[in-house]
Amino acid sequence: MNSMCIAVNLDRLTWLLQLSAVADRVIELNVSSEASIRNMALEVKDAPIDLLINNAGVYFSNRDSFDQVTSEDMHTVFSVNAIGPLLVARALLPNLRQTSQPKVVNISSKMGSIDDNTSGGSYSYRGKF
């Protein structure tokens, strides 16, 4: 069985060194860049993918109060946390369709939970007043 890791910010993920020891290939990806997503899909080529795990995420905790959050922050969070996983899955759809039971897993955090959205704040991340 072949394994592949497609990751964001290779230089910032120390655990990726351990993962790269068990993965056959490691590919860097910026999920907020459509060009990066296209390049990743070209590098993956025709490799079948059984399991795609979307785990990229961003949160600006130091400037996420109502009076500090910016539209740029909002766009970045939405691009990475919502649009990025959709575009990655779409780019790899041909690879997923090559397997009999493909799976796409989108991982979030407790902060992103609808059920845990009662405290307010974190405007760029969950938009709760």
Protein backbone atom coordinates (compact mmCIF):
# COMPACT_ATOMS: atom_id res chain seq x y z
CA MET A 1 0.00 0.00 0.00
CA ASN A 2 1.29 3.45 -0.91
CA SER A 3 0.86 6.45 1.34
CA MET A 4 1.11 10.11 0.57
CA CYS A 5 1.05 13.19 2.77
CA ILE A 6 -0.06 16.51 1.33
CA ALA A 7 0.62 19.24 3.89
CA VAL A 8 0.53 22.94 4.53
CA ASN A 9 3.64 24.80 5.71
CA LEU A 10 6.17 22.00 5.67
CA ASP A 11 8.70 24.21 7.44
CA ARG A 12 6.34 24.79 10.39
CA LEU A 13 5.16 21.23 10.97
CA THR A 14 7.77 19.41 13.00
CA TRP A 15 5.62 16.29 13.25
CA LEU A 16 5.77 16.07 9.48
CA LEU A 17 9.33 14.80 9.73
CA GLN A 18 8.01 11.79 11.61
CA LEU A 19 5.16 11.37 9.14
CA SER A 20 7.49 11.59 6.17
CA ALA A 21 9.31 8.56 7.56
CA VAL A 22 6.20 6.44 6.94
CA ALA A 23 4.77 8.24 3.90
CA ASP A 24 6.07 7.45 0.43
CA ARG A 25 5.68 11.07 -0.69
CA VAL A 26 5.24 14.45 0.99
CA ILE A 27 3.75 17.29 -1.07
CA GLU A 28 3.48 20.89 0.15
CA LEU A 29 0.14 22.62 -0.34
CA ASN A 30 -1.35 26.05 0.35
CA VAL A 31 -5.11 25.41 0.53
CA SER A 32 -5.88 29.11 0.06
CA SER A 33 -4.13 29.14 -3.33
CA GLU A 34 -5.93 27.65 -6.32
CA ALA A 35 -2.60 27.52 -8.18
CA SER A 36 -1.07 25.49 -5.33
CA ILE A 37 -4.06 23.13 -5.36
CA ARG A 38 -3.75 22.66 -9.14
CA ASN A 39 -0.01 21.98 -8.83
CA MET A 40 -0.63 19.46 -6.05
CA ALA A 41 -3.20 17.64 -8.18
CA LEU A 42 -0.72 17.55 -11.09
CA GLU A 43 1.96 16.11 -8.80
CA VAL A 44 -0.41 13.46 -7.45
CA LYS A 45 -1.27 12.59 -11.07
CA ASP A 46 -3.29 9.39 -11.38
CA ALA A 47 -2.53 7.95 -7.94
CA PRO A 48 -5.66 6.38 -6.42
CA ILE A 49 -6.68 7.90 -3.09
CA ASP A 50 -8.68 5.84 -0.60
CA LEU A 51 -8.75 8.44 2.17
CA LEU A 52 -8.44 12.21 2.00
CA ILE A 53 -8.17 14.00 5.34
CA ASN A 54 -8.67 17.77 5.25
CA ASN A 55 -7.11 19.18 8.41
CA ALA A 56 -5.81 22.64 7.46
CA GLY A 57 -7.09 25.47 9.59
CA VAL A 58 -6.31 28.98 10.76
CA TYR A 59 -7.52 31.16 13.63
CA PHE A 60 -6.32 34.64 14.65
CA SER A 61 -6.90 34.52 18.42
CA ASN A 62 -4.82 37.62 19.08
CA ARG A 63 -7.09 39.89 17.01
CA ASP A 64 -10.50 38.30 16.92
CA SER A 65 -12.55 40.52 19.19
CA PHE A 66 -15.41 42.48 17.68
CA ASP A 67 -13.40 45.71 17.60
CA GLN A 68 -10.22 44.12 16.19
CA VAL A 69 -11.28 41.61 13.53
CA THR A 70 -10.60 42.73 9.96
CA SER A 71 -12.20 41.80 6.68
CA GLU A 72 -8.81 40.40 5.57
CA ASP A 73 -8.81 38.08 8.61
CA MET A 74 -12.37 36.99 7.82
CA HIS A 75 -11.47 36.24 4.19
CA THR A 76 -8.33 34.31 5.20
CA VAL A 77 -10.17 32.17 7.76
CA PHE A 78 -13.02 31.40 5.37
CA SER A 79 -10.62 30.66 2.51
CA VAL A 80 -8.50 28.21 4.52
CA ASN A 81 -11.18 26.64 6.73
CA ALA A 82 -14.14 26.37 4.34
CA ILE A 83 -13.22 26.96 0.71
CA GLY A 84 -9.84 25.20 0.80
CA PRO A 85 -11.13 21.76 1.81
CA LEU A 86 -13.79 21.91 -0.89
CA LEU A 87 -11.27 22.84 -3.60
CA VAL A 88 -8.81 20.15 -2.47
CA ALA A 89 -11.50 17.46 -2.52
CA ARG A 90 -12.69 18.63 -5.94
CA ALA A 91 -9.13 18.61 -7.33
CA LEU A 92 -8.58 15.06 -6.05
CA LEU A 93 -12.01 13.73 -7.04
CA PRO A 94 -10.64 11.79 -10.05
CA ASN A 95 -8.14 10.11 -7.70
CA LEU A 96 -10.83 9.30 -5.16
CA ARG A 97 -13.08 7.85 -7.85
CA GLN A 98 -10.37 5.32 -8.73
CA THR A 99 -11.04 3.41 -5.51
CA SER A 100 -14.04 1.32 -4.56
CA GLN A 101 -14.90 3.09 -1.28
CA PRO A 102 -13.24 6.52 -1.16
CA LYS A 103 -13.58 8.60 1.98
CA VAL A 104 -13.18 12.33 2.61
CA VAL A 105 -12.75 13.37 6.24
CA ASN A 106 -12.94 17.03 7.22
CA ILE A 107 -11.44 17.69 10.64
CA SER A 108 -12.41 20.76 12.62
CA SER A 109 -11.91 21.85 16.20
CA LYS A 110 -14.18 22.24 19.17
CA MET A 111 -14.09 25.97 18.44
CA GLY A 112 -15.74 25.22 15.09
CA SER A 113 -18.52 23.19 16.69
CA ILE A 114 -22.06 24.45 16.16
CA ASP A 115 -23.04 22.84 19.48
CA ASP A 116 -20.23 24.66 21.35
CA ASN A 117 -21.03 28.09 19.88
CA THR A 118 -22.61 29.68 22.93
CA SER A 119 -19.85 31.88 24.37
CA GLY A 120 -19.70 34.53 21.64
CA GLY A 121 -16.54 36.11 20.36
CA SER A 122 -14.11 34.58 17.88
CA TYR A 123 -15.78 36.54 15.11
CA SER A 124 -13.62 35.49 12.18
CA TYR A 125 -13.76 31.84 13.19
CA ARG A 126 -17.39 31.32 14.08
CA GLY A 127 -19.15 34.65 13.58
CA LYS A 128 -21.09 34.49 16.85
CA PHE A 129 -22.23 37.79 18.40
